[in-house]
Amino acid sequence: MKIRITPHAEEQIRNRKLTREHVIQVVSEPEQIVTVSAHRYFVQNRYEKGGKRYLLRVLVEEGGDERQVITVYPTSKVSKYWRGGE
Protein backbone atom coordinates (compact mmCIF):
# COMPACT_ATOMS: atom_id res chain seq x y z
CA MET A 1 0.00 0.00 0.00
CA LYS A 2 1.30 3.46 -0.92
CA ILE A 3 2.25 5.86 1.91
CA ARG A 4 1.72 9.58 1.29
CA ILE A 5 2.89 12.23 3.74
CA THR A 6 0.77 15.40 3.81
CA PRO A 7 2.41 18.85 3.75
CA HIS A 8 1.36 19.34 7.40
CA ALA A 9 3.03 16.08 8.42
CA GLU A 10 6.17 17.01 6.44
CA GLU A 11 6.32 20.27 8.39
CA GLN A 12 5.91 18.42 11.70
CA ILE A 13 8.70 16.02 10.74
CA ARG A 14 11.04 18.96 10.07
CA ASN A 15 10.00 20.98 13.13
CA ARG A 16 10.38 18.02 15.47
CA LYS A 17 13.70 16.93 13.96
CA LEU A 18 12.41 13.52 12.94
CA THR A 19 13.20 11.61 9.77
CA ARG A 20 10.83 10.54 7.00
CA GLU A 21 12.43 7.08 7.20
CA HIS A 22 11.49 6.71 10.88
CA VAL A 23 7.90 7.79 10.17
CA ILE A 24 7.57 5.42 7.20
CA GLN A 25 9.03 2.58 9.29
CA VAL A 26 6.40 3.16 12.01
CA VAL A 27 3.59 3.22 9.42
CA SER A 28 4.92 0.08 7.73
CA GLU A 29 5.75 -1.89 10.90
CA PRO A 30 3.81 -0.48 13.87
CA GLU A 31 4.20 -1.95 17.33
CA GLN A 32 0.68 -0.82 18.11
CA ILE A 33 -2.42 0.48 16.31
CA VAL A 34 -5.00 2.63 18.11
CA THR A 35 -8.26 3.08 16.18
CA VAL A 36 -9.75 6.59 16.06
CA SER A 37 -12.56 6.03 13.52
CA ALA A 38 -13.42 3.79 10.56
CA HIS A 39 -10.55 5.06 8.38
CA ARG A 40 -8.30 6.88 10.88
CA TYR A 41 -5.90 5.38 13.36
CA PHE A 42 -2.66 6.04 15.19
CA VAL A 43 0.31 3.78 14.63
CA GLN A 44 2.96 4.01 17.29
CA ASN A 45 6.36 2.65 18.18
CA ARG A 46 8.54 3.06 21.26
CA TYR A 47 12.16 4.19 20.95
CA GLU A 48 15.01 5.58 23.03
CA LYS A 49 16.89 8.84 22.54
CA GLY A 50 19.49 10.19 24.91
CA GLY A 51 18.71 7.45 27.43
CA LYS A 52 15.03 8.44 27.60
CA ARG A 53 12.00 6.49 26.32
CA TYR A 54 9.71 8.04 23.76
CA LEU A 55 6.72 7.07 21.68
CA LEU A 56 6.40 8.14 18.06
CA ARG A 57 2.71 8.54 17.20
CA VAL A 58 1.60 8.82 13.58
CA LEU A 59 -2.01 9.61 12.63
CA VAL A 60 -2.92 7.74 9.45
CA GLU A 61 -6.00 7.95 7.25
CA GLU A 62 -6.57 4.99 4.97
CA GLY A 63 -8.44 5.17 1.70
CA GLY A 64 -8.30 3.09 -1.45
CA ASP A 65 -4.75 1.87 -1.96
CA GLU A 66 -3.16 4.68 0.06
CA ARG A 67 -2.19 5.40 3.66
CA GLN A 68 -2.02 9.14 4.22
CA VAL A 69 0.09 10.45 7.11
CA ILE A 70 -1.93 13.30 8.65
CA THR A 71 0.37 14.30 11.51
CA VAL A 72 3.24 12.91 13.54
CA TYR A 73 4.65 13.63 16.96
CA PRO A 74 6.97 12.16 19.56
CA THR A 75 5.95 12.09 23.21
CA SER A 76 7.70 11.14 26.41
CA LYS A 77 4.30 10.21 27.92
CA VAL A 78 4.55 6.60 26.81
CA SER A 79 2.29 5.21 29.55
CA LYS A 80 -0.46 7.70 28.67
CA TYR A 81 -0.80 6.49 25.07
CA TRP A 82 0.49 2.90 25.15
CA ARG A 83 -2.31 0.35 25.40
CA GLY A 84 -1.84 -2.70 27.61
CA GLY A 85 1.00 -1.45 29.81
CA GLU A 86 4.64 -1.05 28.96
C-alpha atoms as a PDB file:
ATOM      1  CA  MET A   1       0.000   0.000   0.000  1.00  0.00           C
ATOM      2  CA  LYS A   2       1.301   3.460  -0.918  1.00  0.00           C
ATOM      3  CA  ILE A   3       2.248   5.859   1.908  1.00  0.00           C
ATOM      4  CA  ARG A   4       1.717   9.585   1.288  1.00  0.00           C
ATOM      5  CA  ILE A   5       2.887  12.231   3.735  1.00  0.00           C
ATOM      6  CA  THR A   6       0.768  15.404   3.807  1.00  0.00           C
ATOM      7  CA  PRO A   7       2.411  18.847   3.753  1.00  0.00           C
ATOM      8  CA  HIS A   8       1.357  19.339   7.397  1.00  0.00           C
ATOM      9  CA  ALA A   9       3.029  16.077   8.424  1.00  0.00           C
ATOM     10  CA  GLU A  10       6.173  17.006   6.439  1.00  0.00           C
ATOM     11  CA  GLU A  11       6.318  20.268   8.386  1.00  0.00           C
ATOM     12  CA  GLN A  12       5.908  18.422  11.696  1.00  0.00           C
ATOM     13  CA  ILE A  13       8.705  16.016  10.743  1.00  0.00           C
ATOM     14  CA  ARG A  14      11.040  18.961  10.065  1.00  0.00           C
ATOM     15  CA  ASN A  15       9.996  20.981  13.128  1.00  0.00           C
ATOM     16  CA  ARG A  16      10.377  18.022  15.467  1.00  0.00           C
ATOM     17  CA  LYS A  17      13.699  16.930  13.958  1.00  0.00           C
ATOM     18  CA  LEU A  18      12.407  13.518  12.944  1.00  0.00           C
ATOM     19  CA  THR A  19      13.197  11.611   9.767  1.00  0.00           C
ATOM     20  CA  ARG A  20      10.828  10.540   7.004  1.00  0.00           C
ATOM     21  CA  GLU A  21      12.430   7.084   7.201  1.00  0.00           C
ATOM     22  CA  HIS A  22      11.488   6.711  10.877  1.00  0.00           C
ATOM     23  CA  VAL A  23       7.902   7.786  10.168  1.00  0.00           C
ATOM     24  CA  ILE A  24       7.573   5.416   7.201  1.00  0.00           C
ATOM     25  CA  GLN A  25       9.031   2.578   9.294  1.00  0.00           C
ATOM     26  CA  VAL A  26       6.396   3.164  12.010  1.00  0.00           C
ATOM     27  CA  VAL A  27       3.586   3.222   9.423  1.00  0.00           C
ATOM     28  CA  SER A  28       4.920   0.078   7.731  1.00  0.00           C
ATOM     29  CA  GLU A  29       5.751  -1.888  10.902  1.00  0.00           C
ATOM     30  CA  PRO A  30       3.807  -0.479  13.872  1.00  0.00           C
ATOM     31  CA  GLU A  31       4.201  -1.946  17.330  1.00  0.00           C
ATOM     32  CA  GLN A  32       0.681  -0.822  18.109  1.00  0.00           C
ATOM     33  CA  ILE A  33      -2.418   0.482  16.312  1.00  0.00           C
ATOM     34  CA  VAL A  34      -4.997   2.632  18.108  1.00  0.00           C
ATOM     35  CA  THR A  35      -8.261   3.084  16.177  1.00  0.00           C
ATOM     36  CA  VAL A  36      -9.754   6.586  16.060  1.00  0.00           C
ATOM     37  CA  SER A  37     -12.556   6.031  13.521  1.00  0.00           C
ATOM     38  CA  ALA A  38     -13.418   3.789  10.562  1.00  0.00           C
ATOM     39  CA  HIS A  39     -10.552   5.058   8.376  1.00  0.00           C
ATOM     40  CA  ARG A  40      -8.295   6.877  10.881  1.00  0.00           C
ATOM     41  CA  TYR A  41      -5.903   5.377  13.364  1.00  0.00           C
ATOM     42  CA  PHE A  42      -2.659   6.036  15.193  1.00  0.00           C
ATOM     43  CA  VAL A  43       0.313   3.778  14.629  1.00  0.00           C
ATOM     44  CA  GLN A  44       2.957   4.010  17.286  1.00  0.00           C
ATOM     45  CA  ASN A  45       6.365   2.645  18.182  1.00  0.00           C
ATOM     46  CA  ARG A  46       8.540   3.056  21.257  1.00  0.00           C
ATOM     47  CA  TYR A  47      12.155   4.187  20.954  1.00  0.00           C
ATOM     48  CA  GLU A  48      15.011   5.584  23.026  1.00  0.00           C
ATOM     49  CA  LYS A  49      16.894   8.835  22.536  1.00  0.00           C
ATOM     50  CA  GLY A  50      19.490  10.187  24.910  1.00  0.00           C
ATOM     51  CA  GLY A  51      18.707   7.449  27.427  1.00  0.00           C
ATOM     52  CA  LYS A  52      15.033   8.444  27.599  1.00  0.00           C
ATOM     53  CA  ARG A  53      11.996   6.489  26.325  1.00  0.00           C
ATOM     54  CA  TYR A  54       9.707   8.043  23.755  1.00  0.00           C
ATOM     55  CA  LEU A  55       6.721   7.073  21.680  1.00  0.00           C
ATOM     56  CA  LEU A  56       6.405   8.142  18.057  1.00  0.00           C
ATOM     57  CA  ARG A  57       2.708   8.540  17.198  1.00  0.00           C
ATOM     58  CA  VAL A  58       1.600   8.825  13.577  1.00  0.00           C
ATOM     59  CA  LEU A  59      -2.006   9.609  12.631  1.00  0.00           C
ATOM     60  CA  VAL A  60      -2.922   7.740   9.455  1.00  0.00           C
ATOM     61  CA  GLU A  61      -6.002   7.952   7.245  1.00  0.00           C
ATOM     62  CA  GLU A  62      -6.571   4.988   4.975  1.00  0.00           C
ATOM     63  CA  GLY A  63      -8.436   5.175   1.701  1.00  0.00           C
ATOM     64  CA  GLY A  64      -8.302   3.091  -1.449  1.00  0.00           C
ATOM     65  CA  ASP A  65      -4.749   1.871  -1.955  1.00  0.00           C
ATOM     66  CA  GLU A  66      -3.161   4.677   0.063  1.00  0.00           C
ATOM     67  CA  ARG A  67      -2.187   5.404   3.656  1.00  0.00           C
ATOM     68  CA  GLN A  68      -2.020   9.140   4.221  1.00  0.00           C
ATOM     69  CA  VAL A  69       0.090  10.446   7.114  1.00  0.00           C
ATOM     70  CA  ILE A  70      -1.929  13.297   8.649  1.00  0.00           C
ATOM     71  CA  THR A  71       0.369  14.300  11.512  1.00  0.00           C
ATOM     72  CA  VAL A  72       3.243  12.914  13.535  1.00  0.00           C
ATOM     73  CA  TYR A  73       4.654  13.634  16.959  1.00  0.00           C
ATOM     74  CA  PRO A  74       6.971  12.161  19.556  1.00  0.00           C
ATOM     75  CA  THR A  75       5.953  12.087  23.207  1.00  0.00           C
ATOM     76  CA  SER A  76       7.696  11.141  26.412  1.00  0.00           C
ATOM     77  CA  LYS A  77       4.301  10.213  27.924  1.00  0.00           C
ATOM     78  CA  VAL A  78       4.551   6.597  26.807  1.00  0.00           C
ATOM     79  CA  SER A  79       2.294   5.212  29.552  1.00  0.00           C
ATOM     80  CA  LYS A  80      -0.458   7.702  28.670  1.00  0.00           C
ATOM     81  CA  TYR A  81      -0.797   6.490  25.071  1.00  0.00           C
ATOM     82  CA  TRP A  82       0.489   2.897  25.148  1.00  0.00           C
ATOM     83  CA  ARG A  83      -2.312   0.349  25.397  1.00  0.00           C
ATOM     84  CA  GLY A  84      -1.837  -2.697  27.607  1.00  0.00           C
ATOM     85  CA  GLY A  85       1.001  -1.452  29.809  1.00  0.00           C
ATOM     86  CA  GLU A  86       4.645  -1.055  28.962  1.00  0.00           C
END
